[in-house]
Amino acid sequence: MRPVAFVTGGTRGIGLGIAHQLASNGYDLILNGVREEIEVESVLKILRSMSVEVCYAKGNIALEADRREIVKKVKSRFGKLNVLVNNAGVAPKVRADILEVTPEDFDELMDINLRGTFFLTQSLAQWMLGQKQENPSDSFSIIHITSVSASMASINRAAYCISKAGLSMFTKLMAVRMADKNIPVYEVRPGVIATDMTEKVKSAYQERIQNGLTLEKRMGLPDDVGKVVAALAKGDLPYATGQVITVDGGLTVERL
């Protein structure tokens, strides 16, 4: 039987790049998003053409009722889960100065990027522990997609940075908790990736990249992140639980 991976926010952007690479490596997929299934059918069809099974679990991970339904579908569809990829996240609707962030905007970022991810992972990790006990030779892993904003300060994206920093610590906490059951937990930290989230500022980033923002003179691609996630899922980076893998083209390399 093929291994099964669940990717939140898996039908667009970085999540879709991850889904594509996992499908290429023979993983059956469960993808989550907030759009109606008919709206993502073309994406699902492309992934299914790669000789894997793909299903869609609609829901907003910020909502408890939706999380329950998502977990229910993940459990019922394949009866197992080998890889959990927490990719779902949103950027601030308005890039406001840190002194002007509203409680509503702050709460939305936290509810989706951090709180929702925390409690969804809690439910699925408990199930993974049970699966591991029943099938000790099977491989399991949890992978959090954060951002270079987990450590780099952007004063006009304060809530986003804080949410990603929290998710980074959550990676360490889960790595400690799952270690004695041999379930590794990783953090993948992308830099400037060409997605719909960065489309509005793409030209500005491209100019900065040509002027030396990154060591590699291009924006990252969703598949760049996907290849790293697939390697982690397959166990190609052993003895590294709790670690951060940065995919940023050299953006965060300290230079004189």
Protein backbone atom coordinates (compact mmCIF):
# COMPACT_ATOMS: atom_id res chain seq x y z
CA MET A 1 0.00 0.00 0.00
CA ARG A 2 1.13 3.51 -0.79
CA PRO A 3 1.93 5.91 2.06
CA VAL A 4 -0.57 8.69 2.72
CA ALA A 5 0.16 12.40 3.16
CA PHE A 6 -2.16 15.19 4.26
CA VAL A 7 -1.30 18.73 3.12
CA THR A 8 -3.24 21.67 4.51
CA GLY A 9 -3.63 24.50 2.03
CA GLY A 10 -2.56 21.97 -0.58
CA THR A 11 -4.38 23.16 -3.71
CA ARG A 12 -2.43 26.31 -4.51
CA GLY A 13 0.94 27.98 -4.05
CA ILE A 14 3.52 26.27 -1.89
CA GLY A 15 1.01 23.64 -0.78
CA LEU A 16 0.38 22.57 -4.36
CA GLY A 17 4.11 22.40 -5.02
CA ILE A 18 4.39 20.09 -2.01
CA ALA A 19 1.45 17.98 -3.18
CA HIS A 20 2.98 17.65 -6.64
CA GLN A 21 6.31 16.42 -5.30
CA LEU A 22 4.70 13.98 -2.86
CA ALA A 23 2.53 12.57 -5.65
CA SER A 24 5.67 12.22 -7.79
CA ASN A 25 7.13 10.10 -5.01
CA GLY A 26 4.12 7.81 -4.79
CA TYR A 27 2.10 9.28 -1.92
CA ASP A 28 -1.67 9.15 -1.89
CA LEU A 29 -2.92 12.59 -0.93
CA ILE A 30 -5.53 14.34 1.13
CA LEU A 31 -5.57 18.07 0.42
CA ASN A 32 -7.30 20.72 2.47
CA GLY A 33 -8.52 24.17 1.50
CA VAL A 34 -11.42 26.55 1.95
CA ARG A 35 -12.66 26.58 -1.66
CA GLU A 36 -15.46 24.36 -2.88
CA GLU A 37 -14.28 21.06 -4.36
CA ILE A 38 -15.59 21.97 -7.82
CA GLU A 39 -13.24 24.96 -7.81
CA VAL A 40 -10.17 22.76 -7.28
CA GLU A 41 -11.25 19.82 -9.43
CA SER A 42 -8.75 20.67 -12.18
CA VAL A 43 -5.92 20.58 -9.65
CA LEU A 44 -7.10 17.26 -8.23
CA LYS A 45 -7.36 15.82 -11.75
CA ILE A 46 -3.75 16.71 -12.56
CA LEU A 47 -2.51 15.09 -9.37
CA ARG A 48 -4.63 11.98 -9.96
CA SER A 49 -3.02 11.61 -13.38
CA MET A 50 0.22 10.82 -11.50
CA SER A 51 -1.16 7.38 -10.56
CA VAL A 52 -2.03 8.20 -6.96
CA GLU A 53 -5.31 8.63 -5.12
CA VAL A 54 -6.24 12.19 -4.21
CA CYS A 55 -9.14 13.47 -2.14
CA TYR A 56 -10.18 16.89 -0.90
CA ALA A 57 -11.15 17.88 2.65
CA LYS A 58 -12.80 21.29 2.57
CA GLY A 59 -12.65 23.34 5.74
CA ASN A 60 -11.17 26.28 7.60
CA ILE A 61 -8.67 24.97 10.13
CA ALA A 62 -9.34 28.01 12.31
CA LEU A 63 -12.82 26.66 13.11
CA GLU A 64 -13.22 23.81 15.60
CA ALA A 65 -16.20 22.28 13.78
CA ASP A 66 -14.32 22.32 10.48
CA ARG A 67 -11.27 20.74 12.10
CA ARG A 68 -13.41 17.89 13.41
CA GLU A 69 -14.79 17.25 9.94
CA ILE A 70 -11.33 17.45 8.37
CA VAL A 71 -9.91 14.92 10.84
CA LYS A 72 -12.93 12.67 10.30
CA LYS A 73 -12.38 12.67 6.54
CA VAL A 74 -8.63 12.09 6.86
CA LYS A 75 -9.28 9.06 9.04
CA SER A 76 -12.10 7.61 6.97
CA ARG A 77 -10.62 8.09 3.48
CA PHE A 78 -7.51 5.93 3.77
CA GLY A 79 -7.57 4.65 7.35
CA LYS A 80 -4.01 5.79 7.95
CA LEU A 81 -1.77 8.87 7.77
CA ASN A 82 1.99 8.75 7.34
CA VAL A 83 2.87 12.40 6.73
CA LEU A 84 1.20 15.56 8.01
CA VAL A 85 2.28 18.76 6.25
CA ASN A 86 1.02 21.90 7.97
CA ASN A 87 1.16 24.43 5.18
CA ALA A 88 -2.12 26.38 5.45
CA GLY A 89 -1.64 30.01 6.31
CA VAL A 90 -2.66 33.52 5.38
CA ALA A 91 -0.86 36.83 5.01
CA PRO A 92 -2.25 40.05 6.50
CA LYS A 93 -5.00 41.60 4.42
CA VAL A 94 -3.39 44.99 5.00
CA ARG A 95 0.33 45.50 5.52
CA ALA A 96 -0.12 47.83 8.47
CA ASP A 97 2.60 49.24 10.71
CA ILE A 98 2.98 47.28 13.95
CA LEU A 99 1.52 50.26 15.85
CA GLU A 100 -1.62 50.14 13.70
CA VAL A 101 -2.47 46.41 13.69
CA THR A 102 -6.09 45.84 14.72
CA PRO A 103 -7.19 43.09 17.12
CA GLU A 104 -9.37 41.63 14.35
CA ASP A 105 -6.48 41.31 11.90
CA PHE A 106 -4.19 39.93 14.61
CA ASP A 107 -6.72 37.32 15.70
CA GLU A 108 -7.38 36.13 12.14
CA LEU A 109 -3.67 35.50 11.53
CA MET A 110 -3.27 33.69 14.84
CA ASP A 111 -6.43 31.62 14.45
CA ILE A 112 -5.39 30.22 11.08
CA ASN A 113 -1.61 30.24 11.09
CA LEU A 114 -1.01 29.13 14.67
CA ARG A 115 -4.03 28.15 16.75
CA GLY A 116 -5.76 26.16 14.02
CA THR A 117 -2.54 24.39 13.09
CA PHE A 118 -1.83 23.61 16.74
CA PHE A 119 -5.13 21.89 17.44
CA LEU A 120 -5.36 20.12 14.08
CA THR A 121 -1.89 18.71 14.66
CA GLN A 122 -2.81 17.71 18.20
CA SER A 123 -5.66 15.53 16.93
CA LEU A 124 -3.73 13.92 14.09
CA ALA A 125 -0.56 13.40 16.14
CA GLN A 126 -2.53 11.41 18.71
CA TRP A 127 -3.79 9.19 15.89
CA MET A 128 -0.27 8.83 14.49
CA LEU A 129 0.98 7.62 17.87
CA GLY A 130 -1.69 4.93 17.87
CA GLN A 131 -0.78 3.88 14.33
CA LYS A 132 2.90 3.71 15.23
CA GLN A 133 2.15 1.50 18.20
CA GLU A 134 0.16 -0.88 16.00
CA ASN A 135 2.66 -0.79 13.13
CA PRO A 136 6.13 -0.01 14.55
CA SER A 137 7.90 -0.53 11.22
CA ASP A 138 5.80 2.10 9.39
CA SER A 139 7.22 5.59 8.87
CA PHE A 140 5.50 8.74 10.10
CA SER A 141 6.48 12.41 10.15
CA ILE A 142 5.12 15.90 10.77
CA ILE A 143 6.36 18.85 8.73
CA HIS A 144 5.55 22.49 9.48
CA ILE A 145 5.88 25.09 6.73
CA THR A 146 6.80 28.38 8.37
CA SER A 147 8.68 31.30 6.78
CA VAL A 148 11.90 33.28 7.07
CA SER A 149 9.56 35.69 8.84
CA ALA A 150 9.79 33.38 11.84
CA SER A 151 13.14 35.05 12.55
CA MET A 152 13.29 38.12 10.28
CA ALA A 153 11.38 41.17 11.50
CA SER A 154 8.93 42.91 9.14
CA ILE A 155 7.21 45.70 11.04
CA ASN A 156 4.38 45.88 8.51
CA ARG A 157 3.60 42.16 8.91
CA ALA A 158 3.86 41.83 12.68
CA ALA A 159 1.09 39.31 13.28
CA TYR A 160 2.36 37.12 10.44
CA CYS A 161 5.89 37.10 11.86
CA ILE A 162 4.64 36.29 15.35
CA SER A 163 2.44 33.47 14.08
CA LYS A 164 5.34 31.89 12.18
CA ALA A 165 7.69 32.27 15.14
CA GLY A 166 5.11 30.49 17.28
CA LEU A 167 4.85 27.69 14.74
CA SER A 168 8.63 27.39 14.79
CA MET A 169 8.56 26.77 18.55
CA PHE A 170 5.67 24.36 18.08
CA THR A 171 7.96 22.33 15.81
CA LYS A 172 10.50 21.96 18.59
CA LEU A 173 7.85 21.08 21.15
CA MET A 174 6.34 18.41 18.92
CA ALA A 175 9.77 17.03 18.06
CA VAL A 176 10.43 16.50 21.76
CA ARG A 177 7.00 14.97 22.36
CA MET A 178 7.12 12.53 19.43
CA ALA A 179 10.79 11.55 19.69
CA ASP A 180 10.43 8.47 21.86
CA LYS A 181 8.00 7.02 19.30
CA ASN A 182 10.45 7.67 16.46
CA ILE A 183 8.20 10.16 14.67
CA PRO A 184 10.35 13.06 13.43
CA VAL A 185 9.04 16.62 13.27
CA TYR A 186 10.59 19.25 11.00
CA GLU A 187 10.29 22.91 10.13
CA VAL A 188 10.70 24.04 6.52
CA ARG A 189 11.27 27.78 6.31
CA PRO A 190 10.69 29.24 2.80
CA GLY A 191 11.95 32.62 1.69
CA VAL A 192 10.49 34.68 -1.15
CA ILE A 193 8.44 32.21 -3.16
CA ALA A 194 6.50 33.02 -6.33
CA THR A 195 2.87 32.37 -5.36
CA ASP A 196 -0.43 34.21 -5.42
CA MET A 197 0.44 35.46 -1.92
CA THR A 198 3.49 37.34 -3.24
CA GLU A 199 2.05 38.27 -6.65
CA LYS A 200 1.23 41.86 -5.68
CA VAL A 201 4.80 42.54 -4.57
CA LYS A 202 6.52 40.33 -7.15
CA SER A 203 8.08 43.14 -9.18
CA ALA A 204 9.46 44.82 -6.07
CA TYR A 205 11.00 41.57 -4.86
CA GLN A 206 12.47 40.79 -8.28
CA GLU A 207 14.20 44.15 -8.33
CA ARG A 208 15.57 43.63 -4.83
CA ILE A 209 16.74 40.13 -5.75
CA GLN A 210 18.68 41.47 -8.73
CA ASN A 211 20.24 44.00 -6.37
CA GLY A 212 21.52 41.29 -4.02
CA LEU A 213 18.67 40.42 -1.65
CA THR A 214 19.31 36.71 -2.21
CA LEU A 215 22.42 34.83 -3.25
CA GLU A 216 20.53 32.98 -5.99
CA LYS A 217 19.19 35.54 -8.46
CA ARG A 218 15.58 34.37 -8.62
CA MET A 219 12.45 34.00 -6.57
CA GLY A 220 11.86 30.55 -5.18
CA LEU A 221 9.28 28.21 -6.68
CA PRO A 222 6.68 26.06 -4.91
CA ASP A 223 8.43 22.97 -6.26
CA ASP A 224 11.66 24.06 -4.52
CA VAL A 225 9.86 23.74 -1.20
CA GLY A 226 8.05 20.62 -2.36
CA LYS A 227 11.28 18.77 -3.10
CA VAL A 228 12.58 19.46 0.40
CA VAL A 229 9.33 18.29 1.98
CA ALA A 230 9.34 15.11 -0.12
CA ALA A 231 12.90 14.36 0.97
CA LEU A 232 11.92 14.77 4.62
CA ALA A 233 8.81 12.64 4.18
CA LYS A 234 10.86 9.84 2.61
CA GLY A 235 13.42 9.95 5.42
CA ASP A 236 16.24 11.23 3.21
CA LEU A 237 17.40 13.59 5.97
CA PRO A 238 17.69 11.19 8.91
CA TYR A 239 18.83 12.03 12.44
CA ALA A 240 17.52 15.58 12.15
CA THR A 241 14.23 15.79 14.02
CA GLY A 242 13.35 19.24 15.32
CA GLN A 243 15.58 20.98 12.79
CA VAL A 244 14.90 23.95 10.50
CA ILE A 245 15.50 23.52 6.77
CA THR A 246 15.62 26.94 5.13
CA VAL A 247 14.67 27.24 1.45
CA ASP A 248 15.42 30.88 0.68
CA GLY A 249 18.08 31.12 -2.02
CA GLY A 250 20.57 32.44 0.52
CA LEU A 251 18.35 35.31 1.74
CA THR A 252 19.24 34.78 5.39
CA VAL A 253 22.96 34.13 4.95
CA GLU A 254 24.78 36.71 7.07
CA ARG A 255 27.14 38.80 4.96
CA LEU A 256 29.62 41.63 5.53
